Amino acid sequence: MNICIIDGKLIKDREMLHRILAELPGVPDWYGRNLDALHDCLTDIQEELLIRIQNEKDLTLHLGNYAAAFLHVLAESAEENKKIHYVVEVN
């Protein structure tokens, strides 16, 4: 299983978030770096993938409502594609 860590302390803006997400295994080069494109890519991934969200409060501080929208996309994607898993770690 591939593991990706999204640390809210390190994510300063949307661009940075999508730059990290573009590096996920199975995400194609044509990834559009927006939440709709993320959903499309995650629902197509064929390998097991765990996305660990750390420091959610900092992520929300830096991204505002976009952080909640991002987590919603993760939840929807994980529901549609059973190979996608995510956890929001409590600090």
N, C-alpha and C. Protein backbone atom coordinates (compact mmCIF):
# COMPACT_ATOMS: atom_id res chain seq x y z
N MET A 1 0.84 -1.18 0.00
CA MET A 1 0.00 0.00 0.00
C MET A 1 0.89 1.25 0.00
N ASN A 2 0.57 2.16 -0.88
CA ASN A 2 1.26 3.45 -0.90
C ASN A 2 0.67 4.35 0.17
N ILE A 3 1.52 5.18 0.78
CA ILE A 3 1.08 6.09 1.83
C ILE A 3 1.53 7.50 1.47
N CYS A 4 0.61 8.44 1.61
CA CYS A 4 0.91 9.85 1.39
C CYS A 4 0.52 10.61 2.66
N ILE A 5 1.43 11.47 3.12
CA ILE A 5 1.15 12.27 4.30
C ILE A 5 0.94 13.72 3.87
N ILE A 6 -0.19 14.25 4.27
CA ILE A 6 -0.50 15.67 4.04
C ILE A 6 -0.42 16.35 5.40
N ASP A 7 0.61 17.13 5.61
CA ASP A 7 0.83 17.81 6.89
C ASP A 7 0.34 19.25 6.78
N GLY A 8 -0.74 19.55 7.49
CA GLY A 8 -1.34 20.88 7.43
C GLY A 8 -0.41 22.00 7.84
N LYS A 9 0.61 21.69 8.64
CA LYS A 9 1.58 22.72 9.03
C LYS A 9 2.44 23.15 7.85
N LEU A 10 2.61 22.24 6.88
CA LEU A 10 3.48 22.52 5.74
C LEU A 10 2.73 23.06 4.53
N ILE A 11 1.42 22.82 4.47
CA ILE A 11 0.61 23.25 3.33
C ILE A 11 0.20 24.70 3.54
N LYS A 12 0.76 25.59 2.77
CA LYS A 12 0.51 27.03 2.95
C LYS A 12 -0.57 27.58 2.03
N ASP A 13 -0.85 26.87 0.90
CA ASP A 13 -1.87 27.36 -0.03
C ASP A 13 -2.35 26.20 -0.90
N ARG A 14 -3.36 26.47 -1.70
CA ARG A 14 -3.95 25.44 -2.57
C ARG A 14 -2.93 24.88 -3.55
N GLU A 15 -2.12 25.76 -4.10
CA GLU A 15 -1.12 25.33 -5.08
C GLU A 15 -0.18 24.29 -4.47
N MET A 16 0.25 24.54 -3.26
CA MET A 16 1.15 23.61 -2.58
C MET A 16 0.46 22.27 -2.34
N LEU A 17 -0.80 22.31 -1.92
CA LEU A 17 -1.56 21.09 -1.71
C LEU A 17 -1.62 20.28 -3.00
N HIS A 18 -1.98 20.92 -4.09
CA HIS A 18 -2.12 20.20 -5.35
C HIS A 18 -0.77 19.74 -5.91
N ARG A 19 0.28 20.46 -5.61
CA ARG A 19 1.62 20.03 -6.03
C ARG A 19 1.97 18.69 -5.35
N ILE A 20 1.64 18.56 -4.08
CA ILE A 20 1.87 17.31 -3.36
C ILE A 20 0.96 16.21 -3.88
N LEU A 21 -0.30 16.53 -4.10
CA LEU A 21 -1.25 15.53 -4.60
C LEU A 21 -0.88 15.03 -6.00
N ALA A 22 -0.28 15.89 -6.79
CA ALA A 22 0.13 15.50 -8.14
C ALA A 22 1.20 14.42 -8.11
N GLU A 23 1.89 14.29 -6.99
CA GLU A 23 2.95 13.28 -6.85
C GLU A 23 2.44 11.93 -6.35
N LEU A 24 1.15 11.84 -6.05
CA LEU A 24 0.60 10.57 -5.58
C LEU A 24 0.78 9.48 -6.63
N PRO A 25 1.11 8.27 -6.19
CA PRO A 25 1.19 7.17 -7.15
C PRO A 25 -0.14 6.97 -7.85
N GLY A 26 -0.09 6.86 -9.15
CA GLY A 26 -1.30 6.63 -9.93
C GLY A 26 -1.97 7.89 -10.44
N VAL A 27 -1.53 9.05 -9.98
CA VAL A 27 -2.11 10.30 -10.48
C VAL A 27 -1.42 10.64 -11.80
N PRO A 28 -2.19 10.80 -12.86
CA PRO A 28 -1.59 11.03 -14.18
C PRO A 28 -0.98 12.43 -14.33
N ASP A 29 -0.13 12.56 -15.31
CA ASP A 29 0.53 13.84 -15.59
C ASP A 29 -0.48 14.93 -15.92
N TRP A 30 -1.63 14.56 -16.45
CA TRP A 30 -2.62 15.55 -16.86
C TRP A 30 -3.50 16.04 -15.70
N TYR A 31 -3.18 15.65 -14.47
CA TYR A 31 -3.95 16.06 -13.31
C TYR A 31 -4.15 17.57 -13.32
N GLY A 32 -5.39 18.01 -13.24
CA GLY A 32 -5.75 19.41 -13.40
C GLY A 32 -5.54 20.30 -12.19
N ARG A 33 -5.06 19.74 -11.09
CA ARG A 33 -4.75 20.51 -9.88
C ARG A 33 -5.94 21.33 -9.37
N ASN A 34 -7.07 20.64 -9.30
CA ASN A 34 -8.26 21.20 -8.67
C ASN A 34 -9.04 20.04 -8.06
N LEU A 35 -10.03 20.31 -7.26
CA LEU A 35 -10.72 19.25 -6.52
C LEU A 35 -11.53 18.32 -7.42
N ASP A 36 -12.11 18.83 -8.50
CA ASP A 36 -12.83 17.96 -9.43
C ASP A 36 -11.86 16.97 -10.08
N ALA A 37 -10.71 17.47 -10.51
CA ALA A 37 -9.71 16.60 -11.12
C ALA A 37 -9.18 15.60 -10.10
N LEU A 38 -9.01 16.03 -8.86
CA LEU A 38 -8.55 15.11 -7.81
C LEU A 38 -9.53 13.96 -7.65
N HIS A 39 -10.81 14.28 -7.58
CA HIS A 39 -11.82 13.23 -7.46
C HIS A 39 -11.74 12.25 -8.63
N ASP A 40 -11.64 12.77 -9.83
CA ASP A 40 -11.54 11.91 -11.01
C ASP A 40 -10.33 10.99 -10.92
N CYS A 41 -9.19 11.55 -10.53
CA CYS A 41 -7.96 10.76 -10.44
C CYS A 41 -8.05 9.70 -9.34
N LEU A 42 -8.55 10.09 -8.17
CA LEU A 42 -8.62 9.15 -7.06
C LEU A 42 -9.58 8.00 -7.33
N THR A 43 -10.66 8.27 -8.02
CA THR A 43 -11.61 7.19 -8.29
C THR A 43 -11.11 6.25 -9.37
N ASP A 44 -10.07 6.66 -10.11
CA ASP A 44 -9.49 5.80 -11.14
C ASP A 44 -8.26 5.02 -10.68
N ILE A 45 -7.69 5.37 -9.54
CA ILE A 45 -6.47 4.72 -9.06
C ILE A 45 -6.73 3.24 -8.81
N GLN A 46 -5.80 2.40 -9.25
CA GLN A 46 -5.96 0.96 -9.14
C GLN A 46 -5.12 0.32 -8.03
N GLU A 47 -4.25 1.10 -7.39
CA GLU A 47 -3.42 0.60 -6.30
C GLU A 47 -3.97 1.08 -4.97
N GLU A 48 -3.74 0.31 -3.91
CA GLU A 48 -4.13 0.73 -2.57
C GLU A 48 -3.37 2.00 -2.20
N LEU A 49 -4.08 2.97 -1.68
CA LEU A 49 -3.47 4.25 -1.31
C LEU A 49 -4.07 4.73 0.00
N LEU A 50 -3.19 5.06 0.95
CA LEU A 50 -3.62 5.64 2.22
C LEU A 50 -3.12 7.07 2.26
N ILE A 51 -4.05 8.00 2.47
CA ILE A 51 -3.71 9.41 2.60
C ILE A 51 -3.91 9.77 4.07
N ARG A 52 -2.81 10.15 4.73
CA ARG A 52 -2.85 10.52 6.15
C ARG A 52 -2.81 12.04 6.26
N ILE A 53 -3.85 12.60 6.88
CA ILE A 53 -3.92 14.04 7.08
C ILE A 53 -3.45 14.33 8.50
N GLN A 54 -2.39 15.10 8.60
CA GLN A 54 -1.87 15.51 9.90
C GLN A 54 -2.09 17.00 10.07
N ASN A 55 -2.30 17.41 11.31
CA ASN A 55 -2.47 18.83 11.64
C ASN A 55 -3.59 19.48 10.84
N GLU A 56 -4.77 18.87 10.94
CA GLU A 56 -5.94 19.36 10.21
C GLU A 56 -6.27 20.82 10.55
N LYS A 57 -6.09 21.19 11.81
CA LYS A 57 -6.40 22.57 12.21
C LYS A 57 -5.52 23.56 11.45
N ASP A 58 -4.26 23.22 11.28
CA ASP A 58 -3.36 24.10 10.52
C ASP A 58 -3.75 24.14 9.04
N LEU A 59 -4.17 22.99 8.52
CA LEU A 59 -4.62 22.93 7.13
C LEU A 59 -5.81 23.88 6.94
N THR A 60 -6.75 23.85 7.87
CA THR A 60 -7.91 24.73 7.81
C THR A 60 -7.50 26.19 7.98
N LEU A 61 -6.55 26.44 8.85
CA LEU A 61 -6.07 27.80 9.04
C LEU A 61 -5.47 28.36 7.74
N HIS A 62 -4.72 27.53 7.03
CA HIS A 62 -4.06 27.97 5.81
C HIS A 62 -4.99 28.01 4.59
N LEU A 63 -5.93 27.07 4.55
CA LEU A 63 -6.76 26.93 3.34
C LEU A 63 -8.22 27.35 3.53
N GLY A 64 -8.62 27.62 4.74
CA GLY A 64 -10.00 28.01 4.99
C GLY A 64 -10.98 26.91 4.59
N ASN A 65 -12.09 27.30 3.97
CA ASN A 65 -13.12 26.34 3.56
C ASN A 65 -12.63 25.32 2.54
N TYR A 66 -11.56 25.65 1.85
CA TYR A 66 -11.01 24.73 0.85
C TYR A 66 -10.53 23.44 1.51
N ALA A 67 -10.07 23.53 2.76
CA ALA A 67 -9.63 22.33 3.48
C ALA A 67 -10.81 21.38 3.69
N ALA A 68 -11.96 21.92 4.07
CA ALA A 68 -13.15 21.09 4.26
C ALA A 68 -13.60 20.48 2.94
N ALA A 69 -13.52 21.25 1.87
CA ALA A 69 -13.89 20.73 0.55
C ALA A 69 -12.94 19.61 0.13
N PHE A 70 -11.65 19.78 0.43
CA PHE A 70 -10.65 18.76 0.12
C PHE A 70 -10.97 17.46 0.88
N LEU A 71 -11.27 17.57 2.17
CA LEU A 71 -11.60 16.39 2.96
C LEU A 71 -12.89 15.73 2.46
N HIS A 72 -13.82 16.53 1.99
CA HIS A 72 -15.06 15.99 1.42
C HIS A 72 -14.76 15.19 0.15
N VAL A 73 -13.87 15.70 -0.68
CA VAL A 73 -13.47 14.98 -1.90
C VAL A 73 -12.80 13.66 -1.53
N LEU A 74 -11.95 13.67 -0.51
CA LEU A 74 -11.32 12.42 -0.07
C LEU A 74 -12.37 11.42 0.37
N ALA A 75 -13.34 11.87 1.15
CA ALA A 75 -14.40 10.97 1.63
C ALA A 75 -15.21 10.38 0.47
N GLU A 76 -15.61 11.23 -0.46
CA GLU A 76 -16.38 10.75 -1.62
C GLU A 76 -15.56 9.78 -2.46
N SER A 77 -14.31 10.11 -2.67
CA SER A 77 -13.43 9.27 -3.49
C SER A 77 -13.23 7.90 -2.83
N ALA A 78 -13.03 7.90 -1.52
CA ALA A 78 -12.83 6.64 -0.79
C ALA A 78 -14.10 5.79 -0.81
N GLU A 79 -15.25 6.44 -0.82
CA GLU A 79 -16.50 5.70 -0.87
C GLU A 79 -16.68 5.05 -2.25
N GLU A 80 -16.27 5.76 -3.29
CA GLU A 80 -16.43 5.23 -4.65
C GLU A 80 -15.34 4.24 -5.03
N ASN A 81 -14.14 4.42 -4.52
CA ASN A 81 -13.02 3.55 -4.87
C ASN A 81 -12.47 2.95 -3.58
N LYS A 82 -12.72 1.67 -3.36
CA LYS A 82 -12.33 1.00 -2.12
C LYS A 82 -10.81 0.84 -1.98
N LYS A 83 -10.05 1.21 -2.98
CA LYS A 83 -8.59 1.17 -2.88
C LYS A 83 -8.04 2.46 -2.25
N ILE A 84 -8.88 3.45 -2.11
CA ILE A 84 -8.48 4.73 -1.52
C ILE A 84 -8.91 4.74 -0.06
N HIS A 85 -7.97 5.06 0.81
CA HIS A 85 -8.24 5.15 2.24
C HIS A 85 -7.65 6.47 2.73
N TYR A 86 -8.29 7.04 3.72
CA TYR A 86 -7.72 8.26 4.30
C TYR A 86 -8.03 8.28 5.79
N VAL A 87 -7.18 8.95 6.51
CA VAL A 87 -7.39 9.10 7.95
C VAL A 87 -6.95 10.51 8.33
N VAL A 88 -7.76 11.13 9.16
CA VAL A 88 -7.40 12.43 9.73
C VAL A 88 -6.89 12.13 11.12
N GLU A 89 -5.59 12.34 11.31
CA GLU A 89 -4.97 12.00 12.59
C GLU A 89 -5.24 13.10 13.61
N VAL A 90 -5.57 12.69 14.81
CA VAL A 90 -5.81 13.62 15.91
C VAL A 90 -4.47 13.85 16.60
N ASN A 91 -4.13 15.12 16.75
CA ASN A 91 -2.84 15.44 17.39
C ASN A 91 -3.04 15.80 18.84
